[in-house]
N, C-alpha and C. Protein backbone atom coordinates (compact mmCIF):
# COMPACT_ATOMS: atom_id res chain seq x y z
N MET A 1 27.38 24.63 7.52
CA MET A 1 26.27 23.77 8.02
C MET A 1 26.17 24.00 9.59
N LYS A 2 25.14 24.71 9.97
CA LYS A 2 24.99 25.16 11.41
C LYS A 2 24.17 24.12 12.02
N LYS A 3 24.29 23.86 13.33
CA LYS A 3 23.60 22.96 14.01
C LYS A 3 22.17 23.44 14.16
N ASN A 4 21.24 22.37 13.94
CA ASN A 4 19.75 22.69 13.97
C ASN A 4 19.05 21.71 14.58
N MET A 5 19.66 20.79 15.40
CA MET A 5 19.00 19.67 16.08
C MET A 5 19.35 19.73 17.70
N GLY A 6 18.36 19.74 18.50
CA GLY A 6 18.61 19.78 19.88
C GLY A 6 18.86 18.42 20.46
N THR A 7 19.22 18.38 21.67
CA THR A 7 19.54 17.02 22.26
C THR A 7 18.37 16.13 22.30
N ALA A 8 17.21 16.66 22.56
CA ALA A 8 16.04 15.62 22.75
C ALA A 8 15.84 15.16 21.36
N ASP A 9 15.85 15.94 20.25
CA ASP A 9 15.59 15.40 18.92
C ASP A 9 16.70 14.44 18.48
N ARG A 10 17.88 14.61 18.91
CA ARG A 10 18.84 13.57 18.61
C ARG A 10 18.61 12.26 19.37
N VAL A 11 18.34 12.38 20.53
CA VAL A 11 18.09 11.25 21.35
C VAL A 11 16.90 10.30 20.85
N ILE A 12 15.82 10.98 20.51
CA ILE A 12 14.67 10.29 19.98
C ILE A 12 15.01 9.69 18.58
N ARG A 13 15.70 10.27 17.79
CA ARG A 13 16.12 9.65 16.59
C ARG A 13 16.90 8.48 16.80
N ILE A 14 17.96 8.58 17.60
CA ILE A 14 18.84 7.39 18.02
C ILE A 14 17.99 6.16 18.55
N VAL A 15 17.03 6.52 19.31
CA VAL A 15 16.11 5.48 20.00
C VAL A 15 15.22 4.79 18.88
N ILE A 16 14.69 5.54 17.99
CA ILE A 16 13.99 4.99 16.93
C ILE A 16 14.84 4.16 16.01
N ALA A 17 16.05 4.73 15.59
CA ALA A 17 16.93 3.87 14.86
C ALA A 17 17.21 2.60 15.48
N ALA A 18 17.48 2.52 16.76
CA ALA A 18 17.82 1.30 17.56
C ALA A 18 16.75 0.38 17.52
N ILE A 19 15.50 0.91 17.75
CA ILE A 19 14.35 -0.05 17.71
C ILE A 19 14.20 -0.77 16.24
N VAL A 20 14.30 0.13 15.24
CA VAL A 20 14.09 -0.32 13.97
C VAL A 20 15.18 -1.36 13.61
N GLY A 21 16.41 -1.12 14.08
CA GLY A 21 17.48 -2.08 13.81
C GLY A 21 17.31 -3.42 14.59
N VAL A 22 16.86 -3.34 15.69
CA VAL A 22 16.53 -4.66 16.48
C VAL A 22 15.40 -5.41 15.92
N LEU A 23 14.40 -4.62 15.54
CA LEU A 23 13.33 -5.31 14.74
C LEU A 23 13.60 -6.03 13.44
N TYR A 24 14.51 -5.30 12.68
CA TYR A 24 15.02 -5.84 11.41
C TYR A 24 15.86 -7.00 11.66
N PHE A 25 16.81 -6.98 12.57
CA PHE A 25 17.71 -8.13 12.71
C PHE A 25 17.18 -9.18 13.37
N LYS A 26 15.99 -9.03 14.18
CA LYS A 26 15.38 -10.27 14.74
C LYS A 26 14.37 -10.75 13.75
N GLY A 27 14.11 -10.24 12.56
CA GLY A 27 13.29 -10.79 11.52
C GLY A 27 11.91 -10.32 11.65
N ILE A 28 11.51 -9.41 12.42
CA ILE A 28 10.16 -8.91 12.60
C ILE A 28 9.79 -8.11 11.50
N ILE A 29 10.69 -7.23 11.09
CA ILE A 29 10.43 -6.43 9.87
C ILE A 29 11.35 -6.97 8.78
N THR A 30 10.70 -7.40 7.72
CA THR A 30 11.43 -7.96 6.63
C THR A 30 11.07 -7.37 5.24
N GLY A 31 11.70 -7.82 4.27
CA GLY A 31 11.40 -7.34 2.92
C GLY A 31 11.71 -5.98 2.55
N THR A 32 11.01 -5.40 1.60
CA THR A 32 11.36 -4.07 1.16
C THR A 32 11.10 -3.02 2.15
N LEU A 33 9.98 -3.15 2.99
CA LEU A 33 9.69 -2.25 4.12
C LEU A 33 10.80 -2.37 5.07
N GLY A 34 11.33 -3.43 5.41
CA GLY A 34 12.53 -3.51 6.25
C GLY A 34 13.64 -2.89 5.77
N ILE A 35 14.05 -2.95 4.66
CA ILE A 35 15.23 -2.32 3.97
C ILE A 35 15.10 -0.84 4.02
N ILE A 36 13.90 -0.27 3.71
CA ILE A 36 13.58 1.06 3.64
C ILE A 36 13.68 1.63 5.03
N LEU A 37 13.06 0.92 6.01
CA LEU A 37 13.10 1.42 7.38
C LEU A 37 14.64 1.34 7.93
N LEU A 38 15.40 0.37 7.54
CA LEU A 38 16.86 0.37 8.00
C LEU A 38 17.62 1.50 7.37
N VAL A 39 17.41 1.81 6.09
CA VAL A 39 18.03 2.99 5.57
C VAL A 39 17.63 4.23 6.27
N LEU A 40 16.34 4.39 6.51
CA LEU A 40 15.93 5.51 7.32
C LEU A 40 16.54 5.68 8.70
N ALA A 41 16.72 4.45 9.30
CA ALA A 41 17.25 4.51 10.68
C ALA A 41 18.74 4.81 10.55
N GLY A 42 19.43 4.54 9.51
CA GLY A 42 20.86 4.96 9.25
C GLY A 42 20.96 6.39 9.05
N ILE A 43 20.00 7.08 8.28
CA ILE A 43 19.98 8.40 8.07
C ILE A 43 19.64 9.12 9.45
N PHE A 44 18.76 8.50 10.26
CA PHE A 44 18.54 9.16 11.61
C PHE A 44 19.79 9.27 12.34
N VAL A 45 20.62 8.08 12.45
CA VAL A 45 21.85 8.05 13.16
C VAL A 45 22.82 9.10 12.61
N LEU A 46 22.96 9.07 11.42
CA LEU A 46 23.87 10.01 10.74
C LEU A 46 23.57 11.57 11.10
N THR A 47 22.31 11.94 10.95
CA THR A 47 21.92 13.31 11.18
C THR A 47 22.09 13.56 12.74
N SER A 48 21.84 12.65 13.60
CA SER A 48 22.04 12.72 15.03
C SER A 48 23.47 12.99 15.30
N LEU A 49 24.45 12.22 14.81
CA LEU A 49 25.81 12.44 14.98
C LEU A 49 26.22 13.79 14.59
N ILE A 50 25.84 14.36 13.46
CA ILE A 50 26.36 15.67 13.04
C ILE A 50 25.43 16.80 13.55
N SER A 51 24.30 16.50 14.15
CA SER A 51 23.41 17.59 14.68
C SER A 51 22.79 18.41 13.59
N PHE A 52 22.72 18.03 12.42
CA PHE A 52 22.19 18.78 11.40
C PHE A 52 21.14 17.88 10.53
N CYS A 53 19.98 18.42 10.34
CA CYS A 53 18.98 17.72 9.48
C CYS A 53 18.67 18.52 8.18
N PRO A 54 19.05 18.01 6.95
CA PRO A 54 18.83 18.84 5.87
C PRO A 54 17.36 19.15 5.56
N LEU A 55 16.41 18.42 6.04
CA LEU A 55 15.13 18.77 5.83
C LEU A 55 14.54 19.85 6.68
N TYR A 56 15.28 20.20 7.83
CA TYR A 56 14.85 21.26 8.63
C TYR A 56 15.25 22.63 7.99
N ALA A 57 16.46 22.67 7.28
CA ALA A 57 17.00 23.89 6.70
C ALA A 57 15.97 24.57 5.85
N PRO A 58 15.33 24.07 4.91
CA PRO A 58 14.45 24.95 3.97
C PRO A 58 13.25 25.40 4.73
N PHE A 59 12.86 24.84 5.79
CA PHE A 59 11.69 25.28 6.59
C PHE A 59 12.07 26.14 7.81
N GLY A 60 13.26 26.25 7.96
CA GLY A 60 13.82 27.13 9.10
C GLY A 60 13.53 26.55 10.42
N ILE A 61 13.42 25.14 10.52
CA ILE A 61 13.24 24.57 11.79
C ILE A 61 14.56 24.41 12.61
N LYS A 62 14.55 24.73 13.87
CA LYS A 62 15.66 24.54 14.64
C LYS A 62 15.12 24.04 16.07
N THR A 63 15.61 22.82 16.45
CA THR A 63 15.20 22.26 17.70
C THR A 63 16.31 22.43 18.90
N CYS A 64 17.39 23.10 18.50
CA CYS A 64 18.47 23.31 19.37
C CYS A 64 18.25 24.68 20.08
N ALA A 65 18.73 24.77 21.25
CA ALA A 65 18.60 25.97 22.09
C ALA A 65 19.36 27.14 21.56
N ILE A 66 18.75 28.35 21.54
CA ILE A 66 19.27 29.41 21.03
C ILE A 66 20.01 30.20 22.00
N ASN A 67 21.35 30.61 21.81
CA ASN A 67 22.03 31.21 22.82
C ASN A 67 22.24 32.68 22.45
N LYS A 68 21.46 33.56 23.19
CA LYS A 68 21.56 34.84 22.94
C LYS A 68 22.37 35.65 23.98
N PRO A 69 23.46 36.40 23.38
CA PRO A 69 24.33 37.13 24.36
C PRO A 69 23.74 38.28 25.08
């Protein structure tokens, strides 16, 4: 599993996850939509922590810097 997420991508995902979490726990987002968004926020945090997005791999997307020697 190679790193395919850059710093900006990781920060954006964590910010989005935090916003969704706050909205859910304040009761602004509720019901099925709230649960789906909360699960998606959890996936965002997980992928940010490991710096790998499985959906990027099949499409060859990499948002991390490329180090060329």
